[in-house]
Amino acid sequence: MLTLNAIIKEMKDIPVSRLEELYQFIHSLSTTTKHTESLRKKILSFGGAFSDLSSKDYSDFINQTKMTRTELFDRKIEL
């Protein structure tokens, strides 16, 4: 059975130039890191999505979005 000490002993022989790669690999094994990195990539994929809009159109879009949010989430609800 492999132990943490055996893994650490093997890691001592890894060249310094490959440590960053090892570090990235270790973090890729963590489910939290995978989820966070996946979410980050999805969010960044929207970068520049509105770059083809004029300043006026973008401003109108932002104002309309704010109004819609206000109407949807600032209303009185009877339970």
PDB file of N, CA and C in Angstrom:
ATOM      1  N   MET A   1       0.849  -1.191   0.000  1.00  0.00           N
ATOM      2  CA  MET A   1       0.000   0.000   0.000  1.00  0.00           C
ATOM      3  C   MET A   1       0.889   1.247   0.000  1.00  0.00           C
ATOM      4  N   LEU A   2       0.549   2.174  -0.847  1.00  0.00           N
ATOM      5  CA  LEU A   2       1.318   3.405  -0.983  1.00  0.00           C
ATOM      6  C   LEU A   2       1.005   4.345   0.181  1.00  0.00           C
ATOM      7  N   THR A   3       2.040   4.954   0.726  1.00  0.00           N
ATOM      8  CA  THR A   3       1.843   5.897   1.826  1.00  0.00           C
ATOM      9  C   THR A   3       2.272   7.292   1.385  1.00  0.00           C
ATOM     10  N   LEU A   4       1.860   8.256   2.163  1.00  0.00           N
ATOM     11  CA  LEU A   4       2.228   9.639   1.870  1.00  0.00           C
ATOM     12  C   LEU A   4       3.741   9.815   1.888  1.00  0.00           C
ATOM     13  N   ASN A   5       4.415   9.168   2.829  1.00  0.00           N
ATOM     14  CA  ASN A   5       5.877   9.274   2.911  1.00  0.00           C
ATOM     15  C   ASN A   5       6.549   8.718   1.660  1.00  0.00           C
ATOM     16  N   ALA A   6       6.030   7.626   1.118  1.00  0.00           N
ATOM     17  CA  ALA A   6       6.614   7.049  -0.101  1.00  0.00           C
ATOM     18  C   ALA A   6       6.452   8.010  -1.271  1.00  0.00           C
ATOM     19  N   ILE A   7       5.315   8.654  -1.346  1.00  0.00           N
ATOM     20  CA  ILE A   7       5.066   9.625  -2.427  1.00  0.00           C
ATOM     21  C   ILE A   7       5.993  10.823  -2.273  1.00  0.00           C
ATOM     22  N   ILE A   8       6.154  11.307  -1.063  1.00  0.00           N
ATOM     23  CA  ILE A   8       7.027  12.462  -0.817  1.00  0.00           C
ATOM     24  C   ILE A   8       8.477  12.122  -1.161  1.00  0.00           C
ATOM     25  N   LYS A   9       8.916  10.909  -0.841  1.00  0.00           N
ATOM     26  CA  LYS A   9      10.272  10.492  -1.192  1.00  0.00           C
ATOM     27  C   LYS A   9      10.480  10.519  -2.707  1.00  0.00           C
ATOM     28  N   GLU A  10       9.485  10.071  -3.453  1.00  0.00           N
ATOM     29  CA  GLU A  10       9.576  10.084  -4.917  1.00  0.00           C
ATOM     30  C   GLU A  10       9.591  11.523  -5.439  1.00  0.00           C
ATOM     31  N   MET A  11       8.859  12.390  -4.786  1.00  0.00           N
ATOM     32  CA  MET A  11       8.767  13.782  -5.235  1.00  0.00           C
ATOM     33  C   MET A  11      10.096  14.503  -5.077  1.00  0.00           C
ATOM     34  N   LYS A  12      10.943  14.068  -4.156  1.00  0.00           N
ATOM     35  CA  LYS A  12      12.249  14.709  -3.962  1.00  0.00           C
ATOM     36  C   LYS A  12      13.119  14.603  -5.202  1.00  0.00           C
ATOM     37  N   ASP A  13      12.879  13.579  -6.032  1.00  0.00           N
ATOM     38  CA  ASP A  13      13.706  13.367  -7.222  1.00  0.00           C
ATOM     39  C   ASP A  13      13.210  14.128  -8.455  1.00  0.00           C
ATOM     40  N   ILE A  14      12.109  14.836  -8.319  1.00  0.00           N
ATOM     41  CA  ILE A  14      11.559  15.575  -9.457  1.00  0.00           C
ATOM     42  C   ILE A  14      12.385  16.839  -9.686  1.00  0.00           C
ATOM     43  N   PRO A  15      12.785  17.087 -10.919  1.00  0.00           N
ATOM     44  CA  PRO A  15      13.581  18.293 -11.211  1.00  0.00           C
ATOM     45  C   PRO A  15      12.819  19.571 -10.865  1.00  0.00           C
ATOM     46  N   VAL A  16      13.532  20.553 -10.420  1.00  0.00           N
ATOM     47  CA  VAL A  16      12.938  21.838 -10.025  1.00  0.00           C
ATOM     48  C   VAL A  16      12.138  22.443 -11.172  1.00  0.00           C
ATOM     49  N   SER A  17      12.597  22.233 -12.392  1.00  0.00           N
ATOM     50  CA  SER A  17      11.911  22.816 -13.546  1.00  0.00           C
ATOM     51  C   SER A  17      10.525  22.203 -13.777  1.00  0.00           C
ATOM     52  N   ARG A  18      10.235  21.078 -13.167  1.00  0.00           N
ATOM     53  CA  ARG A  18       8.941  20.412 -13.358  1.00  0.00           C
ATOM     54  C   ARG A  18       8.017  20.559 -12.148  1.00  0.00           C
ATOM     55  N   LEU A  19       8.457  21.280 -11.097  1.00  0.00           N
ATOM     56  CA  LEU A  19       7.654  21.408  -9.880  1.00  0.00           C
ATOM     57  C   LEU A  19       6.326  22.118 -10.116  1.00  0.00           C
ATOM     58  N   GLU A  20       6.326  23.137 -10.940  1.00  0.00           N
ATOM     59  CA  GLU A  20       5.079  23.842 -11.233  1.00  0.00           C
ATOM     60  C   GLU A  20       4.078  22.893 -11.882  1.00  0.00           C
ATOM     61  N   GLU A  21       4.550  22.090 -12.801  1.00  0.00           N
ATOM     62  CA  GLU A  21       3.688  21.104 -13.467  1.00  0.00           C
ATOM     63  C   GLU A  21       3.132  20.093 -12.455  1.00  0.00           C
ATOM     64  N   LEU A  22       3.970  19.652 -11.533  1.00  0.00           N
ATOM     65  CA  LEU A  22       3.535  18.725 -10.485  1.00  0.00           C
ATOM     66  C   LEU A  22       2.476  19.379  -9.603  1.00  0.00           C
ATOM     67  N   TYR A  23       2.729  20.614  -9.228  1.00  0.00           N
ATOM     68  CA  TYR A  23       1.789  21.364  -8.396  1.00  0.00           C
ATOM     69  C   TYR A  23       0.420  21.476  -9.077  1.00  0.00           C
ATOM     70  N   GLN A  24       0.416  21.824 -10.362  1.00  0.00           N
ATOM     71  CA  GLN A  24      -0.834  21.938 -11.106  1.00  0.00           C
ATOM     72  C   GLN A  24      -1.550  20.598 -11.177  1.00  0.00           C
ATOM     73  N   PHE A  25      -0.781  19.528 -11.379  1.00  0.00           N
ATOM     74  CA  PHE A  25      -1.374  18.194 -11.451  1.00  0.00           C
ATOM     75  C   PHE A  25      -2.018  17.804 -10.123  1.00  0.00           C
ATOM     76  N   ILE A  26      -1.319  18.048  -9.035  1.00  0.00           N
ATOM     77  CA  ILE A  26      -1.865  17.716  -7.712  1.00  0.00           C
ATOM     78  C   ILE A  26      -3.165  18.464  -7.477  1.00  0.00           C
ATOM     79  N   HIS A  27      -3.198  19.734  -7.828  1.00  0.00           N
ATOM     80  CA  HIS A  27      -4.415  20.522  -7.641  1.00  0.00           C
ATOM     81  C   HIS A  27      -5.529  20.087  -8.585  1.00  0.00           C
ATOM     82  N   SER A  28      -5.198  19.551  -9.725  1.00  0.00           N
ATOM     83  CA  SER A  28      -6.233  19.099 -10.656  1.00  0.00           C
ATOM     84  C   SER A  28      -6.943  17.855 -10.132  1.00  0.00           C
ATOM     85  N   LEU A  29      -6.333  17.162  -9.191  1.00  0.00           N
ATOM     86  CA  LEU A  29      -6.952  15.968  -8.613  1.00  0.00           C
ATOM     87  C   LEU A  29      -8.022  16.299  -7.585  1.00  0.00           C
ATOM     88  N   SER A  30      -7.991  17.500  -7.067  1.00  0.00           N
ATOM     89  CA  SER A  30      -8.980  17.928  -6.086  1.00  0.00           C
ATOM     90  C   SER A  30     -10.280  18.290  -6.793  1.00  0.00           C
ATOM     91  N   THR A  31     -11.398  17.753  -6.321  1.00  0.00           N
ATOM     92  CA  THR A  31     -12.687  18.036  -6.960  1.00  0.00           C
ATOM     93  C   THR A  31     -13.068  19.503  -6.807  1.00  0.00           C
ATOM     94  N   THR A  32     -12.709  20.102  -5.686  1.00  0.00           N
ATOM     95  CA  THR A  32     -13.017  21.523  -5.477  1.00  0.00           C
ATOM     96  C   THR A  32     -12.289  22.372  -6.502  1.00  0.00           C
ATOM     97  N   THR A  33     -11.028  22.081  -6.715  1.00  0.00           N
ATOM     98  CA  THR A  33     -10.239  22.835  -7.680  1.00  0.00           C
ATOM     99  C   THR A  33     -10.792  22.632  -9.084  1.00  0.00           C
ATOM    100  N   LYS A  34     -11.143  21.393  -9.433  1.00  0.00           N
ATOM    101  CA  LYS A  34     -11.685  21.117 -10.754  1.00  0.00           C
ATOM    102  C   LYS A  34     -12.954  21.921 -10.979  1.00  0.00           C
ATOM    103  N   HIS A  35     -13.838  21.929  -9.988  1.00  0.00           N
ATOM    104  CA  HIS A  35     -15.100  22.647 -10.128  1.00  0.00           C
ATOM    105  C   HIS A  35     -14.850  24.143 -10.265  1.00  0.00           C
ATOM    106  N   THR A  36     -13.963  24.674  -9.439  1.00  0.00           N
ATOM    107  CA  THR A  36     -13.655  26.098  -9.470  1.00  0.00           C
ATOM    108  C   THR A  36     -13.040  26.492 -10.809  1.00  0.00           C
ATOM    109  N   GLU A  37     -12.099  25.694 -11.301  1.00  0.00           N
ATOM    110  CA  GLU A  37     -11.442  25.998 -12.577  1.00  0.00           C
ATOM    111  C   GLU A  37     -12.434  25.890 -13.729  1.00  0.00           C
ATOM    112  N   SER A  38     -13.302  24.903 -13.671  1.00  0.00           N
ATOM    113  CA  SER A  38     -14.313  24.735 -14.712  1.00  0.00           C
ATOM    114  C   SER A  38     -15.256  25.936 -14.732  1.00  0.00           C
ATOM    115  N   LEU A  39     -15.692  26.354 -13.556  1.00  0.00           N
ATOM    116  CA  LEU A  39     -16.581  27.512 -13.456  1.00  0.00           C
ATOM    117  C   LEU A  39     -15.880  28.775 -13.945  1.00  0.00           C
ATOM    118  N   ARG A  40     -14.615  28.930 -13.586  1.00  0.00           N
ATOM    119  CA  ARG A  40     -13.833  30.093 -14.019  1.00  0.00           C
ATOM    120  C   ARG A  40     -13.768  30.159 -15.542  1.00  0.00           C
ATOM    121  N   LYS A  41     -13.514  29.012 -16.180  1.00  0.00           N
ATOM    122  CA  LYS A  41     -13.426  28.985 -17.637  1.00  0.00           C
ATOM    123  C   LYS A  41     -14.770  29.318 -18.279  1.00  0.00           C
ATOM    124  N   LYS A  42     -15.865  28.833 -17.691  1.00  0.00           N
ATOM    125  CA  LYS A  42     -17.190  29.146 -18.227  1.00  0.00           C
ATOM    126  C   LYS A  42     -17.473  30.644 -18.130  1.00  0.00           C
ATOM    127  N   ILE A  43     -17.142  31.220 -16.988  1.00  0.00           N
ATOM    128  CA  ILE A  43     -17.374  32.658 -16.797  1.00  0.00           C
ATOM    129  C   ILE A  43     -16.528  33.478 -17.767  1.00  0.00           C
ATOM    130  N   LEU A  44     -15.261  33.126 -17.907  1.00  0.00           N
ATOM    131  CA  LEU A  44     -14.370  33.868 -18.793  1.00  0.00           C
ATOM    132  C   LEU A  44     -14.751  33.723 -20.262  1.00  0.00           C
ATOM    133  N   SER A  45     -15.478  32.669 -20.605  1.00  0.00           N
ATOM    134  CA  SER A  45     -15.878  32.486 -21.997  1.00  0.00           C
ATOM    135  C   SER A  45     -16.849  33.579 -22.453  1.00  0.00           C
ATOM    136  N   PHE A  46     -17.470  34.278 -21.505  1.00  0.00           N
ATOM    137  CA  PHE A  46     -18.383  35.366 -21.851  1.00  0.00           C
ATOM    138  C   PHE A  46     -17.655  36.698 -22.030  1.00  0.00           C
ATOM    139  N   GLY A  47     -16.369  36.724 -21.759  1.00  0.00           N
ATOM    140  CA  GLY A  47     -15.600  37.957 -21.903  1.00  0.00           C
ATOM    141  C   GLY A  47     -15.705  38.514 -23.315  1.00  0.00           C
ATOM    142  N   GLY A  48     -16.031  39.774 -23.418  1.00  0.00           N
ATOM    143  CA  GLY A  48     -16.148  40.417 -24.717  1.00  0.00           C
ATOM    144  C   GLY A  48     -17.461  40.149 -25.424  1.00  0.00           C
ATOM    145  N   ALA A  49     -18.408  39.507 -24.737  1.00  0.00           N
ATOM    146  CA  ALA A  49     -19.686  39.158 -25.365  1.00  0.00           C
ATOM    147  C   ALA A  49     -20.460  40.396 -25.815  1.00  0.00           C
ATOM    148  N   PHE A  50     -20.248  41.520 -25.149  1.00  0.00           N
ATOM    149  CA  PHE A  50     -20.984  42.731 -25.489  1.00  0.00           C
ATOM    150  C   PHE A  50     -20.110  43.743 -26.232  1.00  0.00           C
ATOM    151  N   SER A  51     -18.961  43.325 -26.690  1.00  0.00           N
ATOM    152  CA  SER A  51     -18.024  44.264 -27.314  1.00  0.00           C
ATOM    153  C   SER A  51     -18.536  44.827 -28.638  1.00  0.00           C
ATOM    154  N   ASP A  52     -19.478  44.139 -29.269  1.00  0.00           N
ATOM    155  CA  ASP A  52     -19.984  44.640 -30.542  1.00  0.00           C
ATOM    156  C   ASP A  52     -21.132  45.637 -30.374  1.00  0.00           C
ATOM    157  N   LEU A  53     -21.556  45.872 -29.115  1.00  0.00           N
ATOM    158  CA  LEU A  53     -22.618  46.849 -28.859  1.00  0.00           C
ATOM    159  C   LEU A  53     -22.030  48.258 -28.770  1.00  0.00           C
ATOM    160  N   SER A  54     -22.811  49.216 -29.236  1.00  0.00           N
ATOM    161  CA  SER A  54     -22.387  50.608 -29.068  1.00  0.00           C
ATOM    162  C   SER A  54     -22.530  50.970 -27.588  1.00  0.00           C
ATOM    163  N   SER A  55     -21.913  52.063 -27.194  1.00  0.00           N
ATOM    164  CA  SER A  55     -22.003  52.507 -25.802  1.00  0.00           C
ATOM    165  C   SER A  55     -23.446  52.775 -25.405  1.00  0.00           C
ATOM    166  N   LYS A  56     -24.218  53.362 -26.316  1.00  0.00           N
ATOM    167  CA  LYS A  56     -25.626  53.648 -26.032  1.00  0.00           C
ATOM    168  C   LYS A  56     -26.425  52.357 -25.878  1.00  0.00           C
ATOM    169  N   ASP A  57     -26.213  51.405 -26.775  1.00  0.00           N
ATOM    170  CA  ASP A  57     -26.931  50.136 -26.684  1.00  0.00           C
ATOM    171  C   ASP A  57     -26.566  49.386 -25.407  1.00  0.00           C
ATOM    172  N   TYR A  58     -25.303  49.413 -25.060  1.00  0.00           N
ATOM    173  CA  TYR A  58     -24.868  48.740 -23.836  1.00  0.00           C
ATOM    174  C   TYR A  58     -25.479  49.404 -22.608  1.00  0.00           C
ATOM    175  N   SER A  59     -25.491  50.727 -22.602  1.00  0.00           N
ATOM    176  CA  SER A  59     -26.097  51.470 -21.494  1.00  0.00           C
ATOM    177  C   SER A  59     -27.583  51.148 -21.392  1.00  0.00           C
ATOM    178  N   ASP A  60     -28.278  51.105 -22.530  1.00  0.00           N
ATOM    179  CA  ASP A  60     -29.703  50.736 -22.530  1.00  0.00           C
ATOM    180  C   ASP A  60     -29.902  49.326 -21.986  1.00  0.00           C
ATOM    181  N   PHE A  61     -29.038  48.411 -22.375  1.00  0.00           N
ATOM    182  CA  PHE A  61     -29.113  47.028 -21.896  1.00  0.00           C
ATOM    183  C   PHE A  61     -28.960  46.975 -20.374  1.00  0.00           C
ATOM    184  N   ILE A  62     -27.962  47.688 -19.853  1.00  0.00           N
ATOM    185  CA  ILE A  62     -27.722  47.704 -18.404  1.00  0.00           C
ATOM    186  C   ILE A  62     -28.920  48.292 -17.673  1.00  0.00           C
ATOM    187  N   ASN A  63     -29.457  49.399 -18.175  1.00  0.00           N
ATOM    188  CA  ASN A  63     -30.618  50.022 -17.531  1.00  0.00           C
ATOM    189  C   ASN A  63     -31.829  49.099 -17.558  1.00  0.00           C
ATOM    190  N   GLN A  64     -32.073  48.447 -18.679  1.00  0.00           N
ATOM    191  CA  GLN A  64     -33.202  47.523 -18.791  1.00  0.00           C
ATOM    192  C   GLN A  64     -33.022  46.340 -17.834  1.00  0.00           C
ATOM    193  N   THR A  65     -31.807  45.851 -17.715  1.00  0.00           N
ATOM    194  CA  THR A  65     -31.522  44.736 -16.803  1.00  0.00           C
ATOM    195  C   THR A  65     -31.781  45.149 -15.360  1.00  0.00           C
ATOM    196  N   LYS A  66     -31.364  46.354 -14.987  1.00  0.00           N
ATOM    197  CA  LYS A  66     -31.603  46.847 -13.630  1.00  0.00           C
ATOM    198  C   LYS A  66     -33.095  46.982 -13.354  1.00  0.00           C
ATOM    199  N   MET A  67     -33.845  47.511 -14.312  1.00  0.00           N
ATOM    200  CA  MET A  67     -35.296  47.650 -14.133  1.00  0.00           C
ATOM    201  C   MET A  67     -35.965  46.290 -13.974  1.00  0.00           C
ATOM    202  N   THR A  68     -35.573  45.343 -14.800  1.00  0.00           N
ATOM    203  CA  THR A  68     -36.155  44.005 -14.742  1.00  0.00           C
ATOM    204  C   THR A  68     -35.869  43.352 -13.402  1.00  0.00           C
ATOM    205  N   ARG A  69     -34.653  43.465 -12.931  1.00  0.00           N
ATOM    206  CA  ARG A  69     -34.293  42.895 -11.629  1.00  0.00           C
ATOM    207  C   ARG A  69     -35.107  43.535 -10.514  1.00  0.00           C
ATOM    208  N   THR A  70     -35.258  44.846 -10.579  1.00  0.00           N
ATOM    209  CA  THR A  70     -36.031  45.541  -9.556  1.00  0.00           C
ATOM    210  C   THR A  70     -37.477  45.054  -9.556  1.00  0.00           C
ATOM    211  N   GLU A  71     -38.060  44.942 -10.739  1.00  0.00           N
ATOM    212  CA  GLU A  71     -39.444  44.481 -10.832  1.00  0.00           C
ATOM    213  C   GLU A  71     -39.597  43.045 -10.329  1.00  0.00           C
ATOM    214  N   LEU A  72     -38.631  42.202 -10.622  1.00  0.00           N
ATOM    215  CA  LEU A  72     -38.733  40.796 -10.235  1.00  0.00           C
ATOM    216  C   LEU A  72     -38.447  40.546  -8.763  1.00  0.00           C
ATOM    217  N   PHE A  73     -37.482  41.251  -8.203  1.00  0.00           N
ATOM    218  CA  PHE A  73     -37.017  40.916  -6.873  1.00  0.00           C
ATOM    219  C   PHE A  73     -37.375  41.905  -5.785  1.00  0.00           C
ATOM    220  N   ASP A  74     -37.911  43.054  -6.114  1.00  0.00           N
ATOM    221  CA  ASP A  74     -38.280  44.037  -5.096  1.00  0.00           C
ATOM    222  C   ASP A  74     -39.795  44.157  -4.938  1.00  0.00           C
ATOM    223  N   ARG A  75     -40.512  43.136  -5.236  1.00  0.00           N
ATOM    224  CA  ARG A  75     -41.959  43.193  -5.123  1.00  0.00           C
ATOM    225  C   ARG A  75     -42.423  42.531  -3.837  1.00  0.00           C
ATOM    226  N   LYS A  76     -43.579  42.949  -3.377  1.00  0.00           N
ATOM    227  CA  LYS A  76     -44.164  42.390  -2.162  1.00  0.00           C
ATOM    228  C   LYS A  76     -44.855  41.070  -2.533  1.00  0.00           C
ATOM    229  N   ILE A  77     -44.532  40.055  -1.772  1.00  0.00           N
ATOM    230  CA  ILE A  77     -45.140  38.748  -2.022  1.00  0.00           C
ATOM    231  C   ILE A  77     -45.891  38.313  -0.771  1.00  0.00           C
ATOM    232  N   GLU A  78     -47.153  37.968  -0.954  1.00  0.00           N
ATOM    233  CA  GLU A  78     -47.963  37.486   0.160  1.00  0.00           C
ATOM    234  C   GLU A  78     -47.802  35.982   0.277  1.00  0.00           C
ATOM    235  N   LEU A  79     -47.426  35.539   1.451  1.00  0.00           N
ATOM    236  CA  LEU A  79     -47.277  34.104   1.665  1.00  0.00           C
ATOM    237  C   LEU A  79     -48.400  33.536   2.497  1.00  0.00           C
TER     238      LEU A  79
END
